[in-house]
Amino acid sequence: MSNGKMRIGVEGARELEIEVDDLDAAVAALEKGLSDGSMVWLTDSKGDRHGIVAGRLAFVEVEETSDRSIGFGL
Protein backbone atom coordinates (compact mmCIF):
# COMPACT_ATOMS: atom_id res chain seq x y z
CA MET A 1 0.00 0.00 0.00
CA SER A 2 1.43 3.37 -0.97
CA ASN A 3 0.40 6.93 -0.25
CA GLY A 4 0.02 9.38 -3.08
CA LYS A 5 -1.90 12.08 -4.86
CA MET A 6 -4.30 11.76 -7.76
CA ARG A 7 -5.24 14.59 -10.09
CA ILE A 8 -8.45 13.77 -11.91
CA GLY A 9 -9.85 15.73 -14.82
CA VAL A 10 -13.60 15.52 -15.43
CA GLU A 11 -15.33 16.61 -18.63
CA GLY A 12 -17.07 19.95 -18.28
CA ALA A 13 -15.56 20.69 -14.86
CA ARG A 14 -12.28 21.51 -13.26
CA GLU A 15 -9.71 19.12 -11.89
CA LEU A 16 -9.98 17.31 -8.59
CA GLU A 17 -6.80 16.65 -6.59
CA ILE A 18 -7.09 13.96 -3.94
CA GLU A 19 -4.43 12.75 -1.49
CA VAL A 20 -5.07 9.07 -0.74
CA ASP A 21 -3.61 6.59 1.74
CA ASP A 22 -3.94 3.57 -0.58
CA LEU A 23 -3.00 4.66 -4.09
CA ASP A 24 -3.26 1.14 -5.54
CA ALA A 25 -6.84 0.72 -4.29
CA ALA A 26 -7.83 4.13 -5.68
CA VAL A 27 -6.41 3.32 -9.11
CA ALA A 28 -8.13 -0.09 -9.06
CA ALA A 29 -11.47 1.56 -8.20
CA LEU A 30 -11.10 3.96 -11.14
CA GLU A 31 -10.18 1.12 -13.50
CA LYS A 32 -13.22 -0.90 -12.36
CA GLY A 33 -15.48 2.13 -12.76
CA LEU A 34 -14.21 2.74 -16.27
CA SER A 35 -14.78 -0.88 -17.28
CA ASP A 36 -18.39 -1.04 -16.05
CA GLY A 37 -19.36 2.67 -16.38
CA SER A 38 -20.31 3.08 -12.74
CA MET A 39 -19.93 5.82 -10.15
CA VAL A 40 -16.54 5.70 -8.41
CA TRP A 41 -16.21 6.70 -4.76
CA LEU A 42 -12.75 7.59 -3.47
CA THR A 43 -11.88 8.41 0.14
CA ASP A 44 -9.06 10.89 0.66
CA SER A 45 -6.50 10.83 3.47
CA LYS A 46 -8.74 13.10 5.60
CA GLY A 47 -11.69 10.72 5.34
CA ASP A 48 -13.71 12.84 2.88
CA ARG A 49 -15.48 10.90 0.11
CA HIS A 50 -15.52 12.04 -3.51
CA GLY A 51 -17.91 10.63 -6.12
CA ILE A 52 -16.90 10.62 -9.77
CA VAL A 53 -18.94 9.43 -12.75
CA ALA A 54 -16.44 7.17 -14.50
CA GLY A 55 -17.82 7.92 -17.95
CA ARG A 56 -16.97 11.63 -17.51
CA LEU A 57 -13.26 11.12 -16.73
CA ALA A 58 -10.96 13.10 -19.01
CA PHE A 59 -7.63 12.08 -17.43
CA VAL A 60 -6.02 10.72 -14.26
CA GLU A 61 -2.54 11.68 -13.09
CA VAL A 62 -0.98 9.59 -10.29
CA GLU A 63 1.91 10.69 -8.09
CA GLU A 64 3.27 8.21 -5.56
CA THR A 65 4.65 9.72 -2.36
CA SER A 66 7.68 8.26 -0.67
CA ASP A 67 7.35 6.98 2.90
CA ARG A 68 10.94 7.97 3.55
CA SER A 69 11.51 11.12 5.51
CA ILE A 70 14.50 13.40 5.07
CA GLY A 71 15.96 15.55 7.79
CA PHE A 72 16.43 15.31 11.48
CA GLY A 73 13.76 13.23 13.18
CA LEU A 74 13.47 11.65 16.56
PDB file of N, CA and C in Angstrom:
ATOM      1  N   MET A   1       0.862  -1.176   0.000  1.00  0.00           N
ATOM      2  CA  MET A   1       0.000   0.000   0.000  1.00  0.00           C
ATOM      3  C   MET A   1       0.901   1.229   0.000  1.00  0.00           C
ATOM      4  N   SER A   2       0.611   2.160  -0.884  1.00  0.00           N
ATOM      5  CA  SER A   2       1.426   3.373  -0.967  1.00  0.00           C
ATOM      6  C   SER A   2       0.545   4.609  -0.903  1.00  0.00           C
ATOM      7  N   ASN A   3       1.082   5.646  -0.302  1.00  0.00           N
ATOM      8  CA  ASN A   3       0.396   6.934  -0.252  1.00  0.00           C
ATOM      9  C   ASN A   3       0.641   7.663  -1.554  1.00  0.00           C
ATOM     10  N   GLY A   4      -0.210   8.607  -1.874  1.00  0.00           N
ATOM     11  CA  GLY A   4       0.023   9.383  -3.077  1.00  0.00           C
ATOM     12  C   GLY A   4      -1.089  10.373  -3.339  1.00  0.00           C
ATOM     13  N   LYS A   5      -0.912  11.101  -4.423  1.00  0.00           N
ATOM     14  CA  LYS A   5      -1.895  12.084  -4.859  1.00  0.00           C
ATOM     15  C   LYS A   5      -2.430  11.666  -6.216  1.00  0.00           C
ATOM     16  N   MET A   6      -3.687  12.003  -6.459  1.00  0.00           N
ATOM     17  CA  MET A   6      -4.296  11.764  -7.757  1.00  0.00           C
ATOM     18  C   MET A   6      -4.879  13.088  -8.228  1.00  0.00           C
ATOM     19  N   ARG A   7      -4.604  13.438  -9.459  1.00  0.00           N
ATOM     20  CA  ARG A   7      -5.236  14.594 -10.087  1.00  0.00           C
ATOM     21  C   ARG A   7      -6.163  14.040 -11.145  1.00  0.00           C
ATOM     22  N   ILE A   8      -7.442  14.354 -11.038  1.00  0.00           N
ATOM     23  CA  ILE A   8      -8.452  13.766 -11.906  1.00  0.00           C
ATOM     24  C   ILE A   8      -9.157  14.871 -12.674  1.00  0.00           C
ATOM     25  N   GLY A   9      -9.143  14.776 -13.980  1.00  0.00           N
ATOM     26  CA  GLY A   9      -9.855  15.727 -14.821  1.00  0.00           C
ATOM     27  C   GLY A   9     -11.199  15.145 -15.213  1.00  0.00           C
ATOM     28  N   VAL A  10     -12.248  15.947 -15.096  1.00  0.00           N
ATOM     29  CA  VAL A  10     -13.601  15.516 -15.426  1.00  0.00           C
ATOM     30  C   VAL A  10     -14.133  16.423 -16.520  1.00  0.00           C
ATOM     31  N   GLU A  11     -14.774  15.836 -17.521  1.00  0.00           N
ATOM     32  CA  GLU A  11     -15.333  16.614 -18.628  1.00  0.00           C
ATOM     33  C   GLU A  11     -16.294  17.672 -18.115  1.00  0.00           C
ATOM     34  N   GLY A  12     -16.153  18.874 -18.617  1.00  0.00           N
ATOM     35  CA  GLY A  12     -17.069  19.947 -18.275  1.00  0.00           C
ATOM     36  C   GLY A  12     -16.884  20.526 -16.884  1.00  0.00           C
ATOM     37  N   ALA A  13     -15.806  20.169 -16.216  1.00  0.00           N
ATOM     38  CA  ALA A  13     -15.558  20.690 -14.861  1.00  0.00           C
ATOM     39  C   ALA A  13     -14.061  20.890 -14.682  1.00  0.00           C
ATOM     40  N   ARG A  14     -13.709  21.344 -13.524  1.00  0.00           N
ATOM     41  CA  ARG A  14     -12.281  21.509 -13.264  1.00  0.00           C
ATOM     42  C   ARG A  14     -11.684  20.231 -12.717  1.00  0.00           C
ATOM     43  N   GLU A  15     -10.414  20.292 -12.390  1.00  0.00           N
ATOM     44  CA  GLU A  15      -9.710  19.120 -11.892  1.00  0.00           C
ATOM     45  C   GLU A  15      -9.951  18.933 -10.405  1.00  0.00           C
ATOM     46  N   LEU A  16      -9.833  17.687  -9.981  1.00  0.00           N
ATOM     47  CA  LEU A  16      -9.985  17.313  -8.585  1.00  0.00           C
ATOM     48  C   LEU A  16      -8.666  16.689  -8.153  1.00  0.00           C
ATOM     49  N   GLU A  17      -8.047  17.227  -7.100  1.00  0.00           N
ATOM     50  CA  GLU A  17      -6.802  16.655  -6.592  1.00  0.00           C
ATOM     51  C   GLU A  17      -7.083  16.017  -5.245  1.00  0.00           C
ATOM     52  N   ILE A  18      -6.779  14.729  -5.135  1.00  0.00           N
ATOM     53  CA  ILE A  18      -7.095  13.959  -3.938  1.00  0.00           C
ATOM     54  C   ILE A  18      -5.824  13.301  -3.421  1.00  0.00           C
ATOM     55  N   GLU A  19      -5.543  13.454  -2.132  1.00  0.00           N
ATOM     56  CA  GLU A  19      -4.435  12.747  -1.492  1.00  0.00           C
ATOM     57  C   GLU A  19      -5.014  11.507  -0.834  1.00  0.00           C
ATOM     58  N   VAL A  20      -4.518  10.338  -1.222  1.00  0.00           N
ATOM     59  CA  VAL A  20      -5.072   9.071  -0.741  1.00  0.00           C
ATOM     60  C   VAL A  20      -4.026   8.273   0.026  1.00  0.00           C
ATOM     61  N   ASP A  21      -4.499   7.445   0.966  1.00  0.00           N
ATOM     62  CA  ASP A  21      -3.609   6.591   1.742  1.00  0.00           C
ATOM     63  C   ASP A  21      -3.267   5.306   1.015  1.00  0.00           C
ATOM     64  N   ASP A  22      -4.168   4.808   0.163  1.00  0.00           N
ATOM     65  CA  ASP A  22      -3.936   3.575  -0.578  1.00  0.00           C
ATOM     66  C   ASP A  22      -4.097   3.863  -2.072  1.00  0.00           C
ATOM     67  N   LEU A  23      -3.001   4.256  -2.683  1.00  0.00           N
ATOM     68  CA  LEU A  23      -3.001   4.658  -4.091  1.00  0.00           C
ATOM     69  C   LEU A  23      -3.417   3.508  -5.000  1.00  0.00           C
ATOM     70  N   ASP A  24      -2.931   2.300  -4.704  1.00  0.00           N
ATOM     71  CA  ASP A  24      -3.255   1.144  -5.539  1.00  0.00           C
ATOM     72  C   ASP A  24      -4.755   0.858  -5.543  1.00  0.00           C
ATOM     73  N   ALA A  25      -5.398   0.956  -4.384  1.00  0.00           N
ATOM     74  CA  ALA A  25      -6.841   0.715  -4.294  1.00  0.00           C
ATOM     75  C   ALA A  25      -7.622   1.797  -5.046  1.00  0.00           C
ATOM     76  N   ALA A  26      -7.160   3.042  -4.978  1.00  0.00           N
ATOM     77  CA  ALA A  26      -7.835   4.135  -5.678  1.00  0.00           C
ATOM     78  C   ALA A  26      -7.746   3.946  -7.192  1.00  0.00           C
ATOM     79  N   VAL A  27      -6.582   3.557  -7.676  1.00  0.00           N
ATOM     80  CA  VAL A  27      -6.407   3.317  -9.115  1.00  0.00           C
ATOM     81  C   VAL A  27      -7.275   2.133  -9.545  1.00  0.00           C
ATOM     82  N   ALA A  28      -7.311   1.083  -8.736  1.00  0.00           N
ATOM     83  CA  ALA A  28      -8.128  -0.093  -9.058  1.00  0.00           C
ATOM     84  C   ALA A  28      -9.613   0.279  -9.113  1.00  0.00           C
ATOM     85  N   ALA A  29     -10.074   1.126  -8.195  1.00  0.00           N
ATOM     86  CA  ALA A  29     -11.472   1.557  -8.195  1.00  0.00           C
ATOM     87  C   ALA A  29     -11.797   2.342  -9.465  1.00  0.00           C
ATOM     88  N   LEU A  30     -10.879   3.214  -9.896  1.00  0.00           N
ATOM     89  CA  LEU A  30     -11.097   3.965 -11.136  1.00  0.00           C
ATOM     90  C   LEU A  30     -11.118   3.039 -12.342  1.00  0.00           C
ATOM     91  N   GLU A  31     -10.208   2.068 -12.388  1.00  0.00           N
ATOM     92  CA  GLU A  31     -10.180   1.120 -13.502  1.00  0.00           C
ATOM     93  C   GLU A  31     -11.474   0.313 -13.569  1.00  0.00           C
ATOM     94  N   LYS A  32     -11.966  -0.140 -12.411  1.00  0.00           N
ATOM     95  CA  LYS A  32     -13.220  -0.902 -12.364  1.00  0.00           C
ATOM     96  C   LYS A  32     -14.384  -0.027 -12.828  1.00  0.00           C
ATOM     97  N   GLY A  33     -14.421   1.216 -12.351  1.00  0.00           N
ATOM     98  CA  GLY A  33     -15.485   2.132 -12.757  1.00  0.00           C
ATOM     99  C   GLY A  33     -15.493   2.399 -14.247  1.00  0.00           C
ATOM    100  N   LEU A  34     -14.300   2.515 -14.827  1.00  0.00           N
ATOM    101  CA  LEU A  34     -14.209   2.740 -16.272  1.00  0.00           C
ATOM    102  C   LEU A  34     -14.681   1.523 -17.053  1.00  0.00           C
ATOM    103  N   SER A  35     -14.397   0.331 -16.547  1.00  0.00           N
ATOM    104  CA  SER A  35     -14.780  -0.876 -17.278  1.00  0.00           C
ATOM    105  C   SER A  35     -16.282  -1.137 -17.236  1.00  0.00           C
ATOM    106  N   ASP A  36     -16.949  -0.770 -16.115  1.00  0.00           N
ATOM    107  CA  ASP A  36     -18.388  -1.035 -16.054  1.00  0.00           C
ATOM    108  C   ASP A  36     -19.252   0.231 -16.080  1.00  0.00           C
ATOM    109  N   GLY A  37     -18.625   1.418 -16.231  1.00  0.00           N
ATOM    110  CA  GLY A  37     -19.363   2.668 -16.381  1.00  0.00           C
ATOM    111  C   GLY A  37     -20.091   3.143 -15.137  1.00  0.00           C
ATOM    112  N   SER A  38     -19.607   2.731 -13.980  1.00  0.00           N
ATOM    113  CA  SER A  38     -20.310   3.077 -12.742  1.00  0.00           C
ATOM    114  C   SER A  38     -19.768   4.347 -12.094  1.00  0.00           C
ATOM    115  N   MET A  39     -20.376   4.710 -10.995  1.00  0.00           N
ATOM    116  CA  MET A  39     -19.935   5.816 -10.151  1.00  0.00           C
ATOM    117  C   MET A  39     -18.773   5.301  -9.298  1.00  0.00           C
ATOM    118  N   VAL A  40     -17.715   6.085  -9.209  1.00  0.00           N
ATOM    119  CA  VAL A  40     -16.542   5.700  -8.415  1.00  0.00           C
ATOM    120  C   VAL A  40     -16.487   6.583  -7.177  1.00  0.00           C
ATOM    121  N   TRP A  41     -16.346   5.968  -6.017  1.00  0.00           N
ATOM    122  CA  TRP A  41     -16.213   6.701  -4.764  1.00  0.00           C
ATOM    123  C   TRP A  41     -14.805   6.511  -4.241  1.00  0.00           C
ATOM    124  N   LEU A  42     -14.100   7.618  -4.020  1.00  0.00           N
ATOM    125  CA  LEU A  42     -12.751   7.591  -3.467  1.00  0.00           C
ATOM    126  C   LEU A  42     -12.761   8.311  -2.129  1.00  0.00           C
ATOM    127  N   THR A  43     -12.020   7.777  -1.165  1.00  0.00           N
ATOM    128  CA  THR A  43     -11.884   8.411   0.144  1.00  0.00           C
ATOM    129  C   THR A  43     -10.486   8.969   0.251  1.00  0.00           C
ATOM    130  N   ASP A  44     -10.383  10.268   0.557  1.00  0.00           N
ATOM    131  CA  ASP A  44      -9.059  10.889   0.659  1.00  0.00           C
ATOM    132  C   ASP A  44      -8.448  10.624   2.036  1.00  0.00           C
ATOM    133  N   SER A  45      -7.229  11.106   2.243  1.00  0.00           N
ATOM    134  CA  SER A  45      -6.500  10.827   3.475  1.00  0.00           C
ATOM    135  C   SER A  45      -7.117  11.496   4.699  1.00  0.00           C
ATOM    136  N   LYS A  46      -8.035  12.453   4.483  1.00  0.00           N
ATOM    137  CA  LYS A  46      -8.737  13.102   5.601  1.00  0.00           C
ATOM    138  C   LYS A  46     -10.060  12.414   5.923  1.00  0.00           C
ATOM    139  N   GLY A  47     -10.433  11.435   5.116  1.00  0.00           N
ATOM    140  CA  GLY A  47     -11.688  10.721   5.336  1.00  0.00           C
ATOM    141  C   GLY A  47     -12.854  11.260   4.537  1.00  0.00           C
ATOM    142  N   ASP A  48     -12.638  12.289   3.726  1.00  0.00           N
ATOM    143  CA  ASP A  48     -13.705  12.841   2.881  1.00  0.00           C
ATOM    144  C   ASP A  48     -13.908  11.936   1.669  1.00  0.00           C
ATOM    145  N   ARG A  49     -15.169  11.749   1.260  1.00  0.00           N
ATOM    146  CA  ARG A  49     -15.483  10.904   0.110  1.00  0.00           C
ATOM    147  C   ARG A  49     -15.794  11.770  -1.100  1.00  0.00           C
ATOM    148  N   HIS A  50     -15.326  11.325  -2.259  1.00  0.00           N
ATOM    149  CA  HIS A  50     -15.524  12.045  -3.512  1.00  0.00           C
ATOM    150  C   HIS A  50     -16.127  11.079  -4.527  1.00  0.00           C
ATOM    151  N   GLY A  51     -17.259  11.452  -5.112  1.00  0.00           N
ATOM    152  CA  GLY A  51     -17.914  10.630  -6.118  1.00  0.00           C
ATOM    153  C   GLY A  51     -17.633  11.153  -7.510  1.00  0.00           C
ATOM    154  N   ILE A  52     -17.260  10.250  -8.402  1.00  0.00           N
ATOM    155  CA  ILE A  52     -16.904  10.618  -9.769  1.00  0.00           C
ATOM    156  C   ILE A  52     -17.634   9.680 -10.725  1.00  0.00           C
ATOM    157  N   VAL A  53     -18.298  10.243 -11.718  1.00  0.00           N
ATOM    158  CA  VAL A  53     -18.936   9.428 -12.753  1.00  0.00           C
ATOM    159  C   VAL A  53     -17.831   8.984 -13.700  1.00  0.00           C
ATOM    160  N   ALA A  54     -17.568   7.695 -13.739  1.00  0.00           N
ATOM    161  CA  ALA A  54     -16.436   7.170 -14.495  1.00  0.00           C
ATOM    162  C   ALA A  54     -16.494   7.538 -15.974  1.00  0.00           C
ATOM    163  N   GLY A  55     -17.676   7.595 -16.541  1.00  0.00           N
ATOM    164  CA  GLY A  55     -17.825   7.921 -17.954  1.00  0.00           C
ATOM    165  C   GLY A  55     -17.459   9.358 -18.294  1.00  0.00           C
ATOM    166  N   ARG A  56     -17.307  10.220 -17.286  1.00  0.00           N
ATOM    167  CA  ARG A  56     -16.970  11.626 -17.507  1.00  0.00           C
ATOM    168  C   ARG A  56     -15.497  11.929 -17.265  1.00  0.00           C
ATOM    169  N   LEU A  57     -14.689  10.898 -16.971  1.00  0.00           N
ATOM    170  CA  LEU A  57     -13.261  11.123 -16.732  1.00  0.00           C
ATOM    171  C   LEU A  57     -12.563  11.582 -18.001  1.00  0.00           C
ATOM    172  N   ALA A  58     -11.757  12.624 -17.885  1.00  0.00           N
ATOM    173  CA  ALA A  58     -10.956  13.100 -19.010  1.00  0.00           C
ATOM    174  C   ALA A  58      -9.522  12.589 -18.879  1.00  0.00           C
ATOM    175  N   PHE A  59      -8.974  12.605 -17.664  1.00  0.00           N
ATOM    176  CA  PHE A  59      -7.631  12.084 -17.430  1.00  0.00           C
ATOM    177  C   PHE A  59      -7.441  11.801 -15.942  1.00  0.00           C
ATOM    178  N   VAL A  60      -6.421  10.985 -15.639  1.00  0.00           N
ATOM    179  CA  VAL A  60      -6.016  10.715 -14.257  1.00  0.00           C
ATOM    180  C   VAL A  60      -4.503  10.776 -14.210  1.00  0.00           C
ATOM    181  N   GLU A  61      -3.975  11.566 -13.291  1.00  0.00           N
ATOM    182  CA  GLU A  61      -2.539  11.676 -13.093  1.00  0.00           C
ATOM    183  C   GLU A  61      -2.241  11.153 -11.686  1.00  0.00           C
ATOM    184  N   VAL A  62      -1.291  10.222 -11.572  1.00  0.00           N
ATOM    185  CA  VAL A  62      -0.984   9.588 -10.293  1.00  0.00           C
ATOM    186  C   VAL A  62       0.437   9.936  -9.886  1.00  0.00           C
ATOM    187  N   GLU A  63       0.587  10.357  -8.629  1.00  0.00           N
ATOM    188  CA  GLU A  63       1.910  10.690  -8.086  1.00  0.00           C
ATOM    189  C   GLU A  63       2.093   9.945  -6.776  1.00  0.00           C
ATOM    190  N   GLU A  64       3.014   8.979  -6.771  1.00  0.00           N
ATOM    191  CA  GLU A  64       3.268   8.206  -5.557  1.00  0.00           C
ATOM    192  C   GLU A  64       4.179   9.009  -4.634  1.00  0.00           C
ATOM    193  N   THR A  65       3.858   9.003  -3.349  1.00  0.00           N
ATOM    194  CA  THR A  65       4.654   9.720  -2.357  1.00  0.00           C
ATOM    195  C   THR A  65       5.531   8.727  -1.629  1.00  0.00           C
ATOM    196  N   SER A  66       6.736   9.129  -1.365  1.00  0.00           N
ATOM    197  CA  SER A  66       7.682   8.258  -0.665  1.00  0.00           C
ATOM    198  C   SER A  66       7.383   8.249   0.820  1.00  0.00           C
ATOM    199  N   ASP A  67       7.526   7.086   1.450  1.00  0.00           N
ATOM    200  CA  ASP A  67       7.350   6.980   2.896  1.00  0.00           C
ATOM    201  C   ASP A  67       8.619   7.384   3.642  1.00  0.00           C
ATOM    202  N   ARG A  68       9.693   7.595   2.913  1.00  0.00           N
ATOM    203  CA  ARG A  68      10.945   7.966   3.553  1.00  0.00           C
ATOM    204  C   ARG A  68      10.919   9.434   3.929  1.00  0.00           C
ATOM    205  N   SER A  69      11.414   9.734   5.104  1.00  0.00           N
ATOM    206  CA  SER A  69      11.510  11.123   5.508  1.00  0.00           C
ATOM    207  C   SER A  69      12.963  11.566   5.445  1.00  0.00           C
ATOM    208  N   ILE A  70      13.156  12.826   5.189  1.00  0.00           N
ATOM    209  CA  ILE A  70      14.498  13.395   5.073  1.00  0.00           C
ATOM    210  C   ILE A  70      14.628  14.483   6.120  1.00  0.00           C
ATOM    211  N   GLY A  71      15.738  14.506   6.785  1.00  0.00           N
ATOM    212  CA  GLY A  71      15.959  15.546   7.786  1.00  0.00           C
ATOM    213  C   GLY A  71      16.265  14.936   9.136  1.00  0.00           C
ATOM    214  N   PHE A  72      16.107  15.749  10.141  1.00  0.00           N
ATOM    215  CA  PHE A  72      16.427  15.311  11.479  1.00  0.00           C
ATOM    216  C   PHE A  72      15.147  14.953  12.203  1.00  0.00           C
ATOM    217  N   GLY A  73      14.957  13.690  12.485  1.00  0.00           N
ATOM    218  CA  GLY A  73      13.762  13.234  13.184  1.00  0.00           C
ATOM    219  C   GLY A  73      14.143  12.487  14.443  1.00  0.00           C
ATOM    220  N   LEU A  74      13.219  12.390  15.323  1.00  0.00           N
ATOM    221  CA  LEU A  74      13.470  11.646  16.555  1.00  0.00           C
ATOM    222  C   LEU A  74      12.941  10.249  16.455  1.00  0.00           C
TER     223      LEU A  74
END
